[in-house]
Amino acid sequence: MSQATDTPSPDVRVSVDVSYLPAHSTPERRVFAYVIRIENCSDQTWQLLARHWDILDAGGRETVVDGEGVVGEQPVIPPGGAFVYNSFVTLEDTPGRMQGYYVMQDAWGLRARVPIPPFRLEVPGERMLH
């Protein structure tokens, strides 16, 4: 995967909505679905080329995921446009956290990183032990 340059992030906003899936979870494997909305607020067209995730669970296990595109696509998002997709993640110990970035490219081939804000993966009503 090509590295993004040190170009400032374009005005592309990422929002995340997370849901715990109890019907698909066990005490050893908690499953969370998330819906991501990528909104292009800039005056340029951007294409999402790649993704990078840092996933951390309550047991201190870190997982790094790098890959091309999202859900098998490398969407082109025009000015004012948005791309929405859903995916899932499993954790051994909750609560957990995910964050990362997308590598985006404009029409001239300029690449930039768009941050994915950190979000928590927690089971509703679960007691936190410190």
N, C-alpha and C. Protein backbone atom coordinates (compact mmCIF):
# COMPACT_ATOMS: atom_id res chain seq x y z
N MET A 1 0.84 -1.17 0.00
CA MET A 1 0.00 0.00 0.00
C MET A 1 0.88 1.23 0.00
N SER A 2 0.54 2.19 -0.81
CA SER A 2 1.30 3.44 -0.87
C SER A 2 1.04 4.26 0.38
N GLN A 3 2.06 4.92 0.83
CA GLN A 3 1.91 5.79 1.99
C GLN A 3 1.34 7.12 1.54
N ALA A 4 0.52 7.69 2.40
CA ALA A 4 -0.01 9.02 2.12
C ALA A 4 1.09 10.03 2.38
N THR A 5 0.99 11.14 1.69
CA THR A 5 1.97 12.20 1.89
C THR A 5 1.63 12.97 3.16
N ASP A 6 2.43 13.98 3.47
CA ASP A 6 2.17 14.81 4.64
C ASP A 6 1.19 15.93 4.31
N THR A 7 0.40 15.75 3.29
CA THR A 7 -0.58 16.74 2.89
C THR A 7 -1.62 16.88 3.99
N PRO A 8 -2.07 18.10 4.26
CA PRO A 8 -3.14 18.26 5.25
C PRO A 8 -4.37 17.47 4.82
N SER A 9 -5.14 17.00 5.78
CA SER A 9 -6.34 16.24 5.47
C SER A 9 -7.33 17.10 4.70
N PRO A 10 -7.96 16.52 3.69
CA PRO A 10 -9.01 17.26 2.98
C PRO A 10 -10.21 17.42 3.91
N ASP A 11 -11.15 18.27 3.53
CA ASP A 11 -12.35 18.47 4.34
C ASP A 11 -13.32 17.33 4.06
N VAL A 12 -12.94 16.15 4.57
CA VAL A 12 -13.76 14.95 4.47
C VAL A 12 -14.04 14.52 5.90
N ARG A 13 -15.31 14.37 6.24
CA ARG A 13 -15.69 14.07 7.62
C ARG A 13 -16.18 12.64 7.74
N VAL A 14 -15.74 12.00 8.82
CA VAL A 14 -16.08 10.60 9.06
C VAL A 14 -16.86 10.51 10.36
N SER A 15 -18.02 9.88 10.32
CA SER A 15 -18.80 9.64 11.53
C SER A 15 -19.10 8.14 11.63
N VAL A 16 -19.22 7.67 12.88
CA VAL A 16 -19.38 6.24 13.14
C VAL A 16 -20.56 6.02 14.09
N ASP A 17 -21.36 5.00 13.80
CA ASP A 17 -22.45 4.58 14.68
C ASP A 17 -22.22 3.10 14.98
N VAL A 18 -22.07 2.77 16.27
CA VAL A 18 -21.72 1.40 16.68
C VAL A 18 -22.90 0.73 17.37
N SER A 19 -23.08 -0.57 17.11
CA SER A 19 -24.11 -1.36 17.79
C SER A 19 -23.50 -2.67 18.26
N TYR A 20 -23.84 -3.07 19.48
CA TYR A 20 -23.46 -4.39 19.99
C TYR A 20 -24.47 -5.40 19.47
N LEU A 21 -23.99 -6.57 19.03
CA LEU A 21 -24.87 -7.60 18.47
C LEU A 21 -24.93 -8.80 19.43
N PRO A 22 -25.80 -8.76 20.44
CA PRO A 22 -25.83 -9.85 21.42
C PRO A 22 -26.19 -11.21 20.81
N ALA A 23 -27.01 -11.24 19.78
CA ALA A 23 -27.42 -12.51 19.17
C ALA A 23 -26.26 -13.22 18.49
N HIS A 24 -25.21 -12.48 18.14
CA HIS A 24 -24.05 -13.07 17.45
C HIS A 24 -22.84 -13.20 18.39
N SER A 25 -23.01 -12.81 19.65
CA SER A 25 -21.90 -12.77 20.58
C SER A 25 -21.94 -13.93 21.57
N THR A 26 -20.77 -14.25 22.11
CA THR A 26 -20.63 -15.20 23.20
C THR A 26 -19.77 -14.50 24.26
N PRO A 27 -19.66 -15.08 25.46
CA PRO A 27 -18.79 -14.43 26.45
C PRO A 27 -17.32 -14.33 25.99
N GLU A 28 -16.90 -15.22 25.09
CA GLU A 28 -15.51 -15.21 24.60
C GLU A 28 -15.32 -14.35 23.36
N ARG A 29 -16.41 -13.99 22.71
CA ARG A 29 -16.31 -13.28 21.44
C ARG A 29 -17.47 -12.32 21.31
N ARG A 30 -17.19 -11.04 21.50
CA ARG A 30 -18.23 -10.01 21.41
C ARG A 30 -18.22 -9.43 20.00
N VAL A 31 -19.39 -9.32 19.40
CA VAL A 31 -19.50 -8.84 18.02
C VAL A 31 -20.18 -7.47 18.01
N PHE A 32 -19.57 -6.55 17.27
CA PHE A 32 -20.10 -5.20 17.12
C PHE A 32 -20.23 -4.88 15.64
N ALA A 33 -21.34 -4.26 15.28
CA ALA A 33 -21.52 -3.74 13.92
C ALA A 33 -21.27 -2.24 13.98
N TYR A 34 -20.76 -1.69 12.89
CA TYR A 34 -20.61 -0.24 12.84
C TYR A 34 -20.96 0.25 11.44
N VAL A 35 -21.57 1.43 11.42
CA VAL A 35 -21.94 2.09 10.18
C VAL A 35 -21.08 3.35 10.08
N ILE A 36 -20.39 3.49 8.96
CA ILE A 36 -19.52 4.65 8.76
C ILE A 36 -20.07 5.50 7.63
N ARG A 37 -20.10 6.80 7.90
CA ARG A 37 -20.50 7.77 6.88
C ARG A 37 -19.29 8.64 6.59
N ILE A 38 -18.89 8.69 5.32
CA ILE A 38 -17.77 9.51 4.87
C ILE A 38 -18.36 10.61 4.01
N GLU A 39 -18.25 11.84 4.48
CA GLU A 39 -18.89 12.97 3.82
C GLU A 39 -17.83 13.91 3.26
N ASN A 40 -17.90 14.19 1.96
CA ASN A 40 -16.94 15.07 1.30
C ASN A 40 -17.47 16.50 1.37
N CYS A 41 -16.89 17.29 2.27
CA CYS A 41 -17.29 18.70 2.44
C CYS A 41 -16.37 19.64 1.67
N SER A 42 -15.46 19.08 0.88
CA SER A 42 -14.50 19.91 0.13
C SER A 42 -15.06 20.21 -1.26
N ASP A 43 -14.30 21.00 -2.03
CA ASP A 43 -14.72 21.30 -3.40
C ASP A 43 -13.98 20.42 -4.40
N GLN A 44 -13.33 19.37 -3.92
CA GLN A 44 -12.60 18.41 -4.77
C GLN A 44 -13.26 17.04 -4.69
N THR A 45 -13.10 16.25 -5.73
CA THR A 45 -13.54 14.86 -5.70
C THR A 45 -12.41 14.03 -5.08
N TRP A 46 -12.77 13.13 -4.17
CA TRP A 46 -11.79 12.27 -3.51
C TRP A 46 -12.18 10.81 -3.67
N GLN A 47 -11.17 9.97 -3.86
CA GLN A 47 -11.40 8.53 -3.93
C GLN A 47 -10.76 7.87 -2.72
N LEU A 48 -11.51 6.99 -2.09
CA LEU A 48 -10.98 6.23 -0.95
C LEU A 48 -10.20 5.04 -1.50
N LEU A 49 -8.90 5.03 -1.25
CA LEU A 49 -8.04 3.96 -1.77
C LEU A 49 -7.80 2.84 -0.77
N ALA A 50 -7.62 3.21 0.51
CA ALA A 50 -7.22 2.22 1.50
C ALA A 50 -7.69 2.62 2.88
N ARG A 51 -7.65 1.64 3.79
CA ARG A 51 -8.04 1.89 5.18
C ARG A 51 -6.97 1.35 6.12
N HIS A 52 -6.90 1.96 7.30
CA HIS A 52 -6.01 1.49 8.37
C HIS A 52 -6.80 1.57 9.67
N TRP A 53 -6.83 0.46 10.40
CA TRP A 53 -7.52 0.40 11.69
C TRP A 53 -6.54 -0.02 12.78
N ASP A 54 -6.68 0.61 13.94
CA ASP A 54 -6.02 0.18 15.17
C ASP A 54 -7.14 -0.21 16.12
N ILE A 55 -7.15 -1.49 16.53
CA ILE A 55 -8.20 -2.02 17.39
C ILE A 55 -7.56 -2.49 18.69
N LEU A 56 -8.10 -2.07 19.81
CA LEU A 56 -7.56 -2.42 21.12
C LEU A 56 -8.69 -2.95 21.98
N ASP A 57 -8.47 -4.12 22.63
CA ASP A 57 -9.50 -4.62 23.53
C ASP A 57 -9.07 -4.44 24.98
N ALA A 58 -9.99 -4.75 25.91
CA ALA A 58 -9.74 -4.52 27.34
C ALA A 58 -8.60 -5.38 27.88
N GLY A 59 -8.29 -6.48 27.20
CA GLY A 59 -7.19 -7.35 27.63
C GLY A 59 -5.83 -6.86 27.13
N GLY A 60 -5.81 -5.72 26.43
CA GLY A 60 -4.56 -5.18 25.92
C GLY A 60 -4.15 -5.72 24.57
N ARG A 61 -5.00 -6.55 23.96
CA ARG A 61 -4.69 -7.09 22.62
C ARG A 61 -4.90 -6.00 21.58
N GLU A 62 -3.86 -5.78 20.77
CA GLU A 62 -3.94 -4.80 19.70
C GLU A 62 -3.97 -5.51 18.36
N THR A 63 -4.85 -5.06 17.49
CA THR A 63 -4.95 -5.60 16.14
C THR A 63 -4.83 -4.44 15.17
N VAL A 64 -3.99 -4.60 14.16
CA VAL A 64 -3.85 -3.59 13.12
C VAL A 64 -4.38 -4.21 11.83
N VAL A 65 -5.26 -3.48 11.16
CA VAL A 65 -5.84 -3.94 9.91
C VAL A 65 -5.55 -2.91 8.83
N ASP A 66 -4.90 -3.35 7.76
CA ASP A 66 -4.66 -2.50 6.60
C ASP A 66 -5.25 -3.20 5.39
N GLY A 67 -5.86 -2.44 4.51
CA GLY A 67 -6.42 -3.06 3.32
C GLY A 67 -6.82 -2.03 2.30
N GLU A 68 -7.08 -2.52 1.10
CA GLU A 68 -7.52 -1.64 0.03
C GLU A 68 -9.00 -1.39 0.16
N GLY A 69 -9.39 -0.15 -0.04
CA GLY A 69 -10.80 0.22 -0.07
C GLY A 69 -11.56 -0.15 1.19
N VAL A 70 -12.87 -0.18 1.07
CA VAL A 70 -13.78 -0.60 2.13
C VAL A 70 -14.87 -1.46 1.51
N VAL A 71 -15.26 -2.50 2.17
CA VAL A 71 -16.28 -3.46 1.71
C VAL A 71 -16.15 -3.76 0.21
N GLY A 72 -14.93 -4.00 -0.23
CA GLY A 72 -14.68 -4.38 -1.61
C GLY A 72 -14.77 -3.26 -2.62
N GLU A 73 -14.87 -2.02 -2.15
CA GLU A 73 -14.99 -0.88 -3.06
C GLU A 73 -13.91 0.15 -2.78
N GLN A 74 -13.63 0.95 -3.79
CA GLN A 74 -12.78 2.13 -3.64
C GLN A 74 -13.63 3.31 -4.15
N PRO A 75 -14.58 3.75 -3.30
CA PRO A 75 -15.57 4.72 -3.78
C PRO A 75 -14.98 6.08 -4.12
N VAL A 76 -15.56 6.69 -5.14
CA VAL A 76 -15.25 8.07 -5.53
C VAL A 76 -16.35 8.93 -4.95
N ILE A 77 -15.96 9.94 -4.15
CA ILE A 77 -16.95 10.77 -3.47
C ILE A 77 -16.83 12.20 -3.99
N PRO A 78 -17.84 12.65 -4.74
CA PRO A 78 -17.79 14.00 -5.32
C PRO A 78 -18.02 15.06 -4.24
N PRO A 79 -17.72 16.32 -4.54
CA PRO A 79 -18.00 17.40 -3.60
C PRO A 79 -19.46 17.37 -3.14
N GLY A 80 -19.66 17.44 -1.85
CA GLY A 80 -21.01 17.40 -1.30
C GLY A 80 -21.59 16.01 -1.20
N GLY A 81 -20.86 15.01 -1.68
CA GLY A 81 -21.36 13.64 -1.67
C GLY A 81 -20.96 12.90 -0.40
N ALA A 82 -21.52 11.71 -0.25
CA ALA A 82 -21.21 10.88 0.92
C ALA A 82 -21.21 9.42 0.50
N PHE A 83 -20.47 8.62 1.25
CA PHE A 83 -20.46 7.17 1.06
C PHE A 83 -20.71 6.56 2.43
N VAL A 84 -21.67 5.65 2.50
CA VAL A 84 -22.01 5.00 3.76
C VAL A 84 -21.84 3.49 3.60
N TYR A 85 -21.21 2.86 4.58
CA TYR A 85 -21.08 1.41 4.55
C TYR A 85 -21.12 0.87 5.96
N ASN A 86 -21.37 -0.45 6.06
CA ASN A 86 -21.34 -1.06 7.38
C ASN A 86 -20.41 -2.26 7.36
N SER A 87 -19.89 -2.56 8.55
CA SER A 87 -18.98 -3.68 8.72
C SER A 87 -19.12 -4.16 10.17
N PHE A 88 -18.24 -5.07 10.58
CA PHE A 88 -18.31 -5.56 11.95
C PHE A 88 -16.92 -5.88 12.45
N VAL A 89 -16.83 -6.04 13.77
CA VAL A 89 -15.57 -6.38 14.41
C VAL A 89 -15.89 -7.27 15.61
N THR A 90 -14.97 -8.17 15.96
CA THR A 90 -15.14 -9.00 17.15
C THR A 90 -14.02 -8.70 18.14
N LEU A 91 -14.36 -8.76 19.42
CA LEU A 91 -13.38 -8.54 20.49
C LEU A 91 -13.47 -9.69 21.48
N GLU A 92 -12.32 -10.06 22.05
CA GLU A 92 -12.32 -11.06 23.11
C GLU A 92 -12.73 -10.44 24.43
N ASP A 93 -12.21 -9.26 24.74
CA ASP A 93 -12.50 -8.57 26.00
C ASP A 93 -13.02 -7.17 25.73
N THR A 94 -14.11 -6.82 26.41
CA THR A 94 -14.66 -5.48 26.26
C THR A 94 -14.49 -4.72 27.56
N PRO A 95 -14.50 -3.40 27.52
CA PRO A 95 -14.70 -2.56 26.34
C PRO A 95 -13.44 -2.50 25.49
N GLY A 96 -13.62 -2.04 24.27
CA GLY A 96 -12.51 -1.87 23.35
C GLY A 96 -12.61 -0.53 22.66
N ARG A 97 -11.65 -0.31 21.76
CA ARG A 97 -11.61 0.97 21.04
C ARG A 97 -11.10 0.72 19.63
N MET A 98 -11.63 1.47 18.68
CA MET A 98 -11.14 1.44 17.30
C MET A 98 -10.88 2.86 16.85
N GLN A 99 -9.87 3.02 16.03
CA GLN A 99 -9.60 4.29 15.36
C GLN A 99 -8.72 3.99 14.18
N GLY A 100 -8.54 4.98 13.31
CA GLY A 100 -7.70 4.74 12.15
C GLY A 100 -7.73 5.90 11.18
N TYR A 101 -7.54 5.56 9.90
CA TYR A 101 -7.59 6.59 8.87
C TYR A 101 -7.85 5.93 7.52
N TYR A 102 -8.32 6.76 6.60
CA TYR A 102 -8.47 6.37 5.20
C TYR A 102 -7.40 7.08 4.40
N VAL A 103 -6.87 6.39 3.39
CA VAL A 103 -5.99 7.04 2.42
C VAL A 103 -6.88 7.43 1.25
N MET A 104 -6.93 8.74 0.98
CA MET A 104 -7.77 9.28 -0.08
C MET A 104 -6.88 9.89 -1.15
N GLN A 105 -7.39 9.93 -2.37
CA GLN A 105 -6.63 10.52 -3.48
C GLN A 105 -7.55 11.44 -4.27
N ASP A 106 -7.00 12.61 -4.64
CA ASP A 106 -7.80 13.54 -5.45
C ASP A 106 -7.59 13.26 -6.94
N ALA A 107 -8.22 14.04 -7.79
CA ALA A 107 -8.19 13.82 -9.24
C ALA A 107 -6.79 13.99 -9.84
N TRP A 108 -5.88 14.68 -9.12
CA TRP A 108 -4.52 14.90 -9.61
C TRP A 108 -3.53 13.89 -9.04
N GLY A 109 -4.04 12.93 -8.28
CA GLY A 109 -3.16 11.90 -7.73
C GLY A 109 -2.56 12.26 -6.39
N LEU A 110 -2.95 13.39 -5.82
CA LEU A 110 -2.46 13.79 -4.50
C LEU A 110 -3.15 12.92 -3.45
N ARG A 111 -2.34 12.32 -2.56
CA ARG A 111 -2.89 11.46 -1.52
C ARG A 111 -2.84 12.14 -0.17
N ALA A 112 -3.82 11.84 0.65
CA ALA A 112 -3.89 12.42 1.99
C ALA A 112 -4.57 11.42 2.91
N ARG A 113 -4.30 11.56 4.20
CA ARG A 113 -4.95 10.72 5.21
C ARG A 113 -6.14 11.46 5.80
N VAL A 114 -7.25 10.76 5.92
CA VAL A 114 -8.43 11.30 6.57
C VAL A 114 -8.63 10.48 7.85
N PRO A 115 -8.54 11.13 9.01
CA PRO A 115 -8.65 10.38 10.26
C PRO A 115 -10.05 9.83 10.50
N ILE A 116 -10.10 8.65 11.09
CA ILE A 116 -11.35 8.06 11.57
C ILE A 116 -11.33 8.28 13.08
N PRO A 117 -12.27 9.04 13.62
CA PRO A 117 -12.21 9.35 15.04
C PRO A 117 -12.33 8.07 15.88
N PRO A 118 -11.66 8.05 17.05
CA PRO A 118 -11.77 6.88 17.91
C PRO A 118 -13.21 6.66 18.37
N PHE A 119 -13.59 5.41 18.48
CA PHE A 119 -14.91 5.09 19.03
C PHE A 119 -14.80 3.86 19.90
N ARG A 120 -15.71 3.79 20.90
CA ARG A 120 -15.67 2.71 21.89
C ARG A 120 -16.54 1.55 21.45
N LEU A 121 -16.09 0.37 21.82
CA LEU A 121 -16.85 -0.86 21.60
C LEU A 121 -17.17 -1.41 22.98
N GLU A 122 -18.40 -1.18 23.42
CA GLU A 122 -18.76 -1.63 24.76
C GLU A 122 -20.14 -2.27 24.76
N VAL A 123 -20.30 -3.22 25.66
CA VAL A 123 -21.55 -3.93 25.82
C VAL A 123 -22.45 -3.09 26.72
N PRO A 124 -23.66 -2.73 26.28
CA PRO A 124 -24.54 -1.91 27.12
C PRO A 124 -24.81 -2.59 28.47
N GLY A 125 -24.67 -1.82 29.52
CA GLY A 125 -24.94 -2.36 30.86
C GLY A 125 -23.82 -3.16 31.47
N GLU A 126 -22.74 -3.38 30.72
CA GLU A 126 -21.62 -4.15 31.26
C GLU A 126 -20.89 -3.33 32.31
N ARG A 127 -20.55 -3.97 33.41
CA ARG A 127 -19.84 -3.26 34.47
C ARG A 127 -18.37 -3.17 34.13
N MET A 128 -17.81 -2.00 34.38
CA MET A 128 -16.41 -1.77 34.10
C MET A 128 -15.60 -2.11 35.34
N LEU A 129 -14.57 -2.90 35.16
CA LEU A 129 -13.66 -3.22 36.26
C LEU A 129 -12.36 -2.48 36.01
N HIS A 130 -11.85 -1.82 37.04
CA HIS A 130 -10.60 -1.07 36.88
C HIS A 130 -9.54 -1.64 37.78
